[in-house]
Amino acid sequence: MSASAPPAGLLVRDLGRMGYDKAWALQRVLAAERAEGRGTDTLLLVEHEPVYTRGTSSRGDPAPALPHPLRDVERGGQTTY
């Protein structure tokens, strides 16, 4: 597959490796700005440490000895790695 330039008006940001919480906070800020009609469409390229996320529709408690941090997030769905 050949690489192509991003569509006009799309900002691509390569953040490298950063903590999950920091990357997630940045995503929320950018999404809020976009929803308010500010900012631009942005594609974030980021790698973060392993983490489990638990959506709002997740039922029950996760296993008591998960090997990585667990974060509750605003999406639906079960616990994912």
PDB file of N, CA and C in Angstrom:
ATOM      1  N   MET A   1       0.857  -1.173   0.000  1.00  0.00           N
ATOM      2  CA  MET A   1       0.000   0.000   0.000  1.00  0.00           C
ATOM      3  C   MET A   1       0.896   1.227   0.000  1.00  0.00           C
ATOM      4  N   SER A   2       0.624   2.174  -0.830  1.00  0.00           N
ATOM      5  CA  SER A   2       1.443   3.370  -0.898  1.00  0.00           C
ATOM      6  C   SER A   2       0.892   4.436   0.048  1.00  0.00           C
ATOM      7  N   ALA A   3       1.800   5.225   0.584  1.00  0.00           N
ATOM      8  CA  ALA A   3       1.414   6.308   1.484  1.00  0.00           C
ATOM      9  C   ALA A   3       0.883   7.472   0.664  1.00  0.00           C
ATOM     10  N   SER A   4      -0.054   8.174   1.236  1.00  0.00           N
ATOM     11  CA  SER A   4      -0.563   9.378   0.572  1.00  0.00           C
ATOM     12  C   SER A   4      -0.656  10.487   1.604  1.00  0.00           C
ATOM     13  N   ALA A   5      -0.762  11.692   1.113  1.00  0.00           N
ATOM     14  CA  ALA A   5      -0.873  12.847   2.001  1.00  0.00           C
ATOM     15  C   ALA A   5      -2.240  12.830   2.689  1.00  0.00           C
ATOM     16  N   PRO A   6      -2.304  13.337   3.924  1.00  0.00           N
ATOM     17  CA  PRO A   6      -3.601  13.411   4.592  1.00  0.00           C
ATOM     18  C   PRO A   6      -4.518  14.392   3.879  1.00  0.00           C
ATOM     19  N   PRO A   7      -5.820  14.229   4.035  1.00  0.00           N
ATOM     20  CA  PRO A   7      -6.760  15.166   3.411  1.00  0.00           C
ATOM     21  C   PRO A   7      -6.507  16.592   3.895  1.00  0.00           C
ATOM     22  N   ALA A   8      -6.824  17.553   3.067  1.00  0.00           N
ATOM     23  CA  ALA A   8      -6.673  18.960   3.444  1.00  0.00           C
ATOM     24  C   ALA A   8      -7.483  19.229   4.708  1.00  0.00           C
ATOM     25  N   GLY A   9      -6.908  19.970   5.616  1.00  0.00           N
ATOM     26  CA  GLY A   9      -7.610  20.295   6.855  1.00  0.00           C
ATOM     27  C   GLY A   9      -7.437  19.266   7.947  1.00  0.00           C
ATOM     28  N   LEU A  10      -6.677  18.212   7.698  1.00  0.00           N
ATOM     29  CA  LEU A  10      -6.435  17.196   8.718  1.00  0.00           C
ATOM     30  C   LEU A  10      -5.035  17.401   9.277  1.00  0.00           C
ATOM     31  N   LEU A  11      -4.954  17.579  10.576  1.00  0.00           N
ATOM     32  CA  LEU A  11      -3.676  17.726  11.255  1.00  0.00           C
ATOM     33  C   LEU A  11      -3.248  16.357  11.768  1.00  0.00           C
ATOM     34  N   VAL A  12      -2.048  15.929  11.416  1.00  0.00           N
ATOM     35  CA  VAL A  12      -1.511  14.656  11.902  1.00  0.00           C
ATOM     36  C   VAL A  12      -0.429  14.972  12.916  1.00  0.00           C
ATOM     37  N   ARG A  13      -0.593  14.456  14.138  1.00  0.00           N
ATOM     38  CA  ARG A  13       0.385  14.699  15.204  1.00  0.00           C
ATOM     39  C   ARG A  13       0.990  13.380  15.647  1.00  0.00           C
ATOM     40  N   ASP A  14       2.285  13.238  15.505  1.00  0.00           N
ATOM     41  CA  ASP A  14       3.002  12.049  15.965  1.00  0.00           C
ATOM     42  C   ASP A  14       3.528  12.348  17.357  1.00  0.00           C
ATOM     43  N   LEU A  15       2.890  11.766  18.371  1.00  0.00           N
ATOM     44  CA  LEU A  15       3.227  12.053  19.757  1.00  0.00           C
ATOM     45  C   LEU A  15       4.283  11.106  20.312  1.00  0.00           C
ATOM     46  N   GLY A  16       4.649  10.097  19.523  1.00  0.00           N
ATOM     47  CA  GLY A  16       5.619   9.128  20.031  1.00  0.00           C
ATOM     48  C   GLY A  16       4.999   8.310  21.152  1.00  0.00           C
ATOM     49  N   ARG A  17       5.786   8.037  22.172  1.00  0.00           N
ATOM     50  CA  ARG A  17       5.292   7.256  23.318  1.00  0.00           C
ATOM     51  C   ARG A  17       5.006   8.205  24.476  1.00  0.00           C
ATOM     52  N   MET A  18       3.825   8.069  25.060  1.00  0.00           N
ATOM     53  CA  MET A  18       3.464   8.866  26.230  1.00  0.00           C
ATOM     54  C   MET A  18       2.503   8.058  27.092  1.00  0.00           C
ATOM     55  N   GLY A  19       2.318   8.478  28.308  1.00  0.00           N
ATOM     56  CA  GLY A  19       1.418   7.791  29.225  1.00  0.00           C
ATOM     57  C   GLY A  19      -0.018   7.792  28.721  1.00  0.00           C
ATOM     58  N   TYR A  20      -0.748   6.721  29.022  1.00  0.00           N
ATOM     59  CA  TYR A  20      -2.143   6.584  28.589  1.00  0.00           C
ATOM     60  C   TYR A  20      -2.976   7.763  29.060  1.00  0.00           C
ATOM     61  N   ASP A  21      -2.864   8.116  30.343  1.00  0.00           N
ATOM     62  CA  ASP A  21      -3.704   9.182  30.895  1.00  0.00           C
ATOM     63  C   ASP A  21      -3.452  10.518  30.194  1.00  0.00           C
ATOM     64  N   LYS A  22      -2.210  10.816  29.896  1.00  0.00           N
ATOM     65  CA  LYS A  22      -1.881  12.066  29.209  1.00  0.00           C
ATOM     66  C   LYS A  22      -2.450  12.075  27.784  1.00  0.00           C
ATOM     67  N   ALA A  23      -2.296  10.960  27.070  1.00  0.00           N
ATOM     68  CA  ALA A  23      -2.829  10.867  25.705  1.00  0.00           C
ATOM     69  C   ALA A  23      -4.352  10.956  25.707  1.00  0.00           C
ATOM     70  N   TRP A  24      -4.994  10.303  26.661  1.00  0.00           N
ATOM     71  CA  TRP A  24      -6.458  10.296  26.762  1.00  0.00           C
ATOM     72  C   TRP A  24      -6.964  11.704  27.082  1.00  0.00           C
ATOM     73  N   ALA A  25      -6.265  12.417  27.964  1.00  0.00           N
ATOM     74  CA  ALA A  25      -6.659  13.790  28.291  1.00  0.00           C
ATOM     75  C   ALA A  25      -6.560  14.688  27.061  1.00  0.00           C
ATOM     76  N   LEU A  26      -5.496  14.533  26.281  1.00  0.00           N
ATOM     77  CA  LEU A  26      -5.346  15.328  25.059  1.00  0.00           C
ATOM     78  C   LEU A  26      -6.473  15.021  24.074  1.00  0.00           C
ATOM     79  N   GLN A  27      -6.826  13.747  23.922  1.00  0.00           N
ATOM     80  CA  GLN A  27      -7.927  13.378  23.020  1.00  0.00           C
ATOM     81  C   GLN A  27      -9.222  14.055  23.448  1.00  0.00           C
ATOM     82  N   ARG A  28      -9.498  14.062  24.743  1.00  0.00           N
ATOM     83  CA  ARG A  28     -10.735  14.679  25.229  1.00  0.00           C
ATOM     84  C   ARG A  28     -10.751  16.182  24.964  1.00  0.00           C
ATOM     85  N   VAL A  29      -9.621  16.853  25.158  1.00  0.00           N
ATOM     86  CA  VAL A  29      -9.545  18.295  24.879  1.00  0.00           C
ATOM     87  C   VAL A  29      -9.790  18.565  23.401  1.00  0.00           C
ATOM     88  N   LEU A  30      -9.116  17.811  22.531  1.00  0.00           N
ATOM     89  CA  LEU A  30      -9.273  18.016  21.088  1.00  0.00           C
ATOM     90  C   LEU A  30     -10.709  17.728  20.638  1.00  0.00           C
ATOM     91  N   ALA A  31     -11.317  16.685  21.187  1.00  0.00           N
ATOM     92  CA  ALA A  31     -12.702  16.351  20.822  1.00  0.00           C
ATOM     93  C   ALA A  31     -13.664  17.446  21.267  1.00  0.00           C
ATOM     94  N   ALA A  32     -13.459  17.989  22.460  1.00  0.00           N
ATOM     95  CA  ALA A  32     -14.324  19.070  22.956  1.00  0.00           C
ATOM     96  C   ALA A  32     -14.180  20.317  22.091  1.00  0.00           C
ATOM     97  N   GLU A  33     -12.945  20.654  21.723  1.00  0.00           N
ATOM     98  CA  GLU A  33     -12.727  21.811  20.853  1.00  0.00           C
ATOM     99  C   GLU A  33     -13.418  21.622  19.508  1.00  0.00           C
ATOM    100  N   ARG A  34     -13.291  20.426  18.974  1.00  0.00           N
ATOM    101  CA  ARG A  34     -13.903  20.131  17.664  1.00  0.00           C
ATOM    102  C   ARG A  34     -15.419  20.218  17.752  1.00  0.00           C
ATOM    103  N   ALA A  35     -15.996  19.683  18.839  1.00  0.00           N
ATOM    104  CA  ALA A  35     -17.451  19.708  19.030  1.00  0.00           C
ATOM    105  C   ALA A  35     -17.971  21.138  19.146  1.00  0.00           C
ATOM    106  N   GLU A  36     -17.136  22.043  19.650  1.00  0.00           N
ATOM    107  CA  GLU A  36     -17.511  23.457  19.787  1.00  0.00           C
ATOM    108  C   GLU A  36     -17.243  24.253  18.514  1.00  0.00           C
ATOM    109  N   GLY A  37     -16.765  23.574  17.464  1.00  0.00           N
ATOM    110  CA  GLY A  37     -16.495  24.254  16.206  1.00  0.00           C
ATOM    111  C   GLY A  37     -15.134  24.917  16.163  1.00  0.00           C
ATOM    112  N   ARG A  38     -14.302  24.644  17.156  1.00  0.00           N
ATOM    113  CA  ARG A  38     -12.942  25.189  17.180  1.00  0.00           C
ATOM    114  C   ARG A  38     -11.984  24.078  16.791  1.00  0.00           C
ATOM    115  N   GLY A  39     -10.763  24.427  16.536  1.00  0.00           N
ATOM    116  CA  GLY A  39      -9.753  23.417  16.228  1.00  0.00           C
ATOM    117  C   GLY A  39      -9.961  22.826  14.840  1.00  0.00           C
ATOM    118  N   THR A  40      -9.243  21.756  14.577  1.00  0.00           N
ATOM    119  CA  THR A  40      -9.296  21.108  13.278  1.00  0.00           C
ATOM    120  C   THR A  40      -9.353  19.602  13.482  1.00  0.00           C
ATOM    121  N   ASP A  41      -9.729  18.880  12.451  1.00  0.00           N
ATOM    122  CA  ASP A  41      -9.687  17.425  12.533  1.00  0.00           C
ATOM    123  C   ASP A  41      -8.243  17.016  12.782  1.00  0.00           C
ATOM    124  N   THR A  42      -8.034  16.144  13.767  1.00  0.00           N
ATOM    125  CA  THR A  42      -6.684  15.771  14.171  1.00  0.00           C
ATOM    126  C   THR A  42      -6.576  14.262  14.307  1.00  0.00           C
ATOM    127  N   LEU A  43      -5.526  13.725  13.722  1.00  0.00           N
ATOM    128  CA  LEU A  43      -5.197  12.310  13.858  1.00  0.00           C
ATOM    129  C   LEU A  43      -3.985  12.222  14.763  1.00  0.00           C
ATOM    130  N   LEU A  44      -4.147  11.545  15.914  1.00  0.00           N
ATOM    131  CA  LEU A  44      -3.036  11.384  16.843  1.00  0.00           C
ATOM    132  C   LEU A  44      -2.408  10.010  16.645  1.00  0.00           C
ATOM    133  N   LEU A  45      -1.109  10.000  16.455  1.00  0.00           N
ATOM    134  CA  LEU A  45      -0.347   8.756  16.398  1.00  0.00           C
ATOM    135  C   LEU A  45       0.406   8.672  17.717  1.00  0.00           C
ATOM    136  N   VAL A  46       0.091   7.664  18.514  1.00  0.00           N
ATOM    137  CA  VAL A  46       0.670   7.581  19.857  1.00  0.00           C
ATOM    138  C   VAL A  46       0.782   6.126  20.286  1.00  0.00           C
ATOM    139  N   GLU A  47       1.797   5.848  21.060  1.00  0.00           N
ATOM    140  CA  GLU A  47       1.970   4.538  21.683  1.00  0.00           C
ATOM    141  C   GLU A  47       1.980   4.776  23.187  1.00  0.00           C
ATOM    142  N   HIS A  48       1.243   3.958  23.929  1.00  0.00           N
ATOM    143  CA  HIS A  48       1.245   4.091  25.384  1.00  0.00           C
ATOM    144  C   HIS A  48       1.497   2.729  26.015  1.00  0.00           C
ATOM    145  N   GLU A  49       1.788   2.763  27.299  1.00  0.00           N
ATOM    146  CA  GLU A  49       2.035   1.523  28.027  1.00  0.00           C
ATOM    147  C   GLU A  49       0.769   0.669  28.056  1.00  0.00           C
ATOM    148  N   PRO A  50       0.899  -0.633  28.307  1.00  0.00           N
ATOM    149  CA  PRO A  50      -0.284  -1.492  28.355  1.00  0.00           C
ATOM    150  C   PRO A  50      -1.269  -1.022  29.425  1.00  0.00           C
ATOM    151  N   VAL A  51      -2.547  -1.094  29.089  1.00  0.00           N
ATOM    152  CA  VAL A  51      -3.601  -0.668  30.007  1.00  0.00           C
ATOM    153  C   VAL A  51      -4.886  -1.398  29.645  1.00  0.00           C
ATOM    154  N   TYR A  52      -5.724  -1.631  30.626  1.00  0.00           N
ATOM    155  CA  TYR A  52      -7.071  -2.151  30.400  1.00  0.00           C
ATOM    156  C   TYR A  52      -8.028  -0.984  30.502  1.00  0.00           C
ATOM    157  N   THR A  53      -9.031  -0.938  29.624  1.00  0.00           N
ATOM    158  CA  THR A  53     -10.073   0.081  29.727  1.00  0.00           C
ATOM    159  C   THR A  53     -11.416  -0.602  29.918  1.00  0.00           C
ATOM    160  N   ARG A  54     -12.226  -0.015  30.785  1.00  0.00           N
ATOM    161  CA  ARG A  54     -13.546  -0.569  31.089  1.00  0.00           C
ATOM    162  C   ARG A  54     -14.589   0.461  30.717  1.00  0.00           C
ATOM    163  N   GLY A  55     -15.482   0.088  29.791  1.00  0.00           N
ATOM    164  CA  GLY A  55     -16.537   0.981  29.336  1.00  0.00           C
ATOM    165  C   GLY A  55     -17.685   1.066  30.310  1.00  0.00           C
ATOM    166  N   THR A  56     -18.602   1.979  30.041  1.00  0.00           N
ATOM    167  CA  THR A  56     -19.722   2.241  30.947  1.00  0.00           C
ATOM    168  C   THR A  56     -20.703   1.076  31.050  1.00  0.00           C
ATOM    169  N   SER A  57     -20.738   0.204  30.052  1.00  0.00           N
ATOM    170  CA  SER A  57     -21.671  -0.916  30.123  1.00  0.00           C
ATOM    171  C   SER A  57     -21.022  -2.188  30.664  1.00  0.00           C
ATOM    172  N   SER A  58     -19.799  -2.090  31.138  1.00  0.00           N
ATOM    173  CA  SER A  58     -19.105  -3.249  31.700  1.00  0.00           C
ATOM    174  C   SER A  58     -19.817  -3.692  32.973  1.00  0.00           C
ATOM    175  N   ARG A  59     -19.945  -4.974  33.146  1.00  0.00           N
ATOM    176  CA  ARG A  59     -20.636  -5.520  34.322  1.00  0.00           C
ATOM    177  C   ARG A  59     -19.644  -6.274  35.194  1.00  0.00           C
ATOM    178  N   GLY A  60     -19.835  -6.158  36.479  1.00  0.00           N
ATOM    179  CA  GLY A  60     -18.998  -6.895  37.413  1.00  0.00           C
ATOM    180  C   GLY A  60     -17.629  -6.276  37.582  1.00  0.00           C
ATOM    181  N   ASP A  61     -16.881  -6.883  38.453  1.00  0.00           N
ATOM    182  CA  ASP A  61     -15.531  -6.414  38.734  1.00  0.00           C
ATOM    183  C   ASP A  61     -14.535  -7.172  37.874  1.00  0.00           C
ATOM    184  N   PRO A  62     -13.469  -6.510  37.469  1.00  0.00           N
ATOM    185  CA  PRO A  62     -12.431  -7.211  36.697  1.00  0.00           C
ATOM    186  C   PRO A  62     -11.678  -8.185  37.604  1.00  0.00           C
ATOM    187  N   ALA A  63     -10.896  -9.015  36.998  1.00  0.00           N
ATOM    188  CA  ALA A  63     -10.063  -9.943  37.766  1.00  0.00           C
ATOM    189  C   ALA A  63      -9.257  -9.139  38.790  1.00  0.00           C
ATOM    190  N   PRO A  64      -9.080  -9.669  40.000  1.00  0.00           N
ATOM    191  CA  PRO A  64      -8.433  -8.889  41.061  1.00  0.00           C
ATOM    192  C   PRO A  64      -6.940  -8.619  40.853  1.00  0.00           C
ATOM    193  N   ALA A  65      -6.277  -9.379  40.019  1.00  0.00           N
ATOM    194  CA  ALA A  65      -4.823  -9.214  39.880  1.00  0.00           C
ATOM    195  C   ALA A  65      -4.431  -8.940  38.431  1.00  0.00           C
ATOM    196  N   LEU A  66      -5.010  -7.904  37.841  1.00  0.00           N
ATOM    197  CA  LEU A  66      -4.639  -7.549  36.473  1.00  0.00           C
ATOM    198  C   LEU A  66      -3.179  -7.097  36.448  1.00  0.00           C
ATOM    199  N   PRO A  67      -2.429  -7.506  35.428  1.00  0.00           N
ATOM    200  CA  PRO A  67      -1.015  -7.142  35.384  1.00  0.00           C
ATOM    201  C   PRO A  67      -0.743  -5.704  34.920  1.00  0.00           C
ATOM    202  N   HIS A  68      -1.783  -4.987  34.491  1.00  0.00           N
ATOM    203  CA  HIS A  68      -1.612  -3.608  34.016  1.00  0.00           C
ATOM    204  C   HIS A  68      -2.716  -2.745  34.614  1.00  0.00           C
ATOM    205  N   PRO A  69      -2.563  -1.417  34.602  1.00  0.00           N
ATOM    206  CA  PRO A  69      -3.578  -0.525  35.174  1.00  0.00           C
ATOM    207  C   PRO A  69      -4.933  -0.661  34.473  1.00  0.00           C
ATOM    208  N   LEU A  70      -5.994  -0.362  35.211  1.00  0.00           N
ATOM    209  CA  LEU A  70      -7.364  -0.363  34.696  1.00  0.00           C
ATOM    210  C   LEU A  70      -7.885   1.059  34.733  1.00  0.00           C
ATOM    211  N   ARG A  71      -8.463   1.504  33.614  1.00  0.00           N
ATOM    212  CA  ARG A  71      -9.039   2.849  33.531  1.00  0.00           C
ATOM    213  C   ARG A  71     -10.503   2.739  33.106  1.00  0.00           C
ATOM    214  N   ASP A  72     -11.384   3.466  33.804  1.00  0.00           N
ATOM    215  CA  ASP A  72     -12.782   3.583  33.391  1.00  0.00           C
ATOM    216  C   ASP A  72     -12.861   4.693  32.359  1.00  0.00           C
ATOM    217  N   VAL A  73     -13.556   4.428  31.240  1.00  0.00           N
ATOM    218  CA  VAL A  73     -13.640   5.391  30.147  1.00  0.00           C
ATOM    219  C   VAL A  73     -15.095   5.618  29.748  1.00  0.00           C
ATOM    220  N   GLU A  74     -15.343   6.671  28.945  1.00  0.00           N
ATOM    221  CA  GLU A  74     -16.692   7.094  28.596  1.00  0.00           C
ATOM    222  C   GLU A  74     -17.333   6.299  27.469  1.00  0.00           C
ATOM    223  N   ARG A  75     -16.660   5.318  26.920  1.00  0.00           N
ATOM    224  CA  ARG A  75     -17.257   4.541  25.839  1.00  0.00           C
ATOM    225  C   ARG A  75     -18.081   3.404  26.441  1.00  0.00           C
ATOM    226  N   GLY A  76     -18.917   2.812  25.623  1.00  0.00           N
ATOM    227  CA  GLY A  76     -19.627   1.627  26.061  1.00  0.00           C
ATOM    228  C   GLY A  76     -18.708   0.427  25.947  1.00  0.00           C
ATOM    229  N   GLY A  77     -19.174  -0.710  26.344  1.00  0.00           N
ATOM    230  CA  GLY A  77     -18.401  -1.920  26.123  1.00  0.00           C
ATOM    231  C   GLY A  77     -17.763  -2.480  27.375  1.00  0.00           C
ATOM    232  N   GLN A  78     -17.262  -3.676  27.221  1.00  0.00           N
ATOM    233  CA  GLN A  78     -16.656  -4.420  28.309  1.00  0.00           C
ATOM    234  C   GLN A  78     -15.201  -3.992  28.507  1.00  0.00           C
ATOM    235  N   THR A  79     -14.526  -4.659  29.390  1.00  0.00           N
ATOM    236  CA  THR A  79     -13.122  -4.403  29.642  1.00  0.00           C
ATOM    237  C   THR A  79     -12.292  -4.925  28.479  1.00  0.00           C
ATOM    238  N   THR A  80     -11.400  -4.094  27.970  1.00  0.00           N
ATOM    239  CA  THR A  80     -10.535  -4.491  26.854  1.00  0.00           C
ATOM    240  C   THR A  80      -9.093  -4.185  27.210  1.00  0.00           C
ATOM    241  N   TYR A  81      -8.190  -4.851  26.515  1.00  0.00           N
ATOM    242  CA  TYR A  81      -6.743  -4.660  26.726  1.00  0.00           C
ATOM    243  C   TYR A  81      -6.176  -3.878  25.587  1.00  0.00           C
TER     244      TYR A  81
END
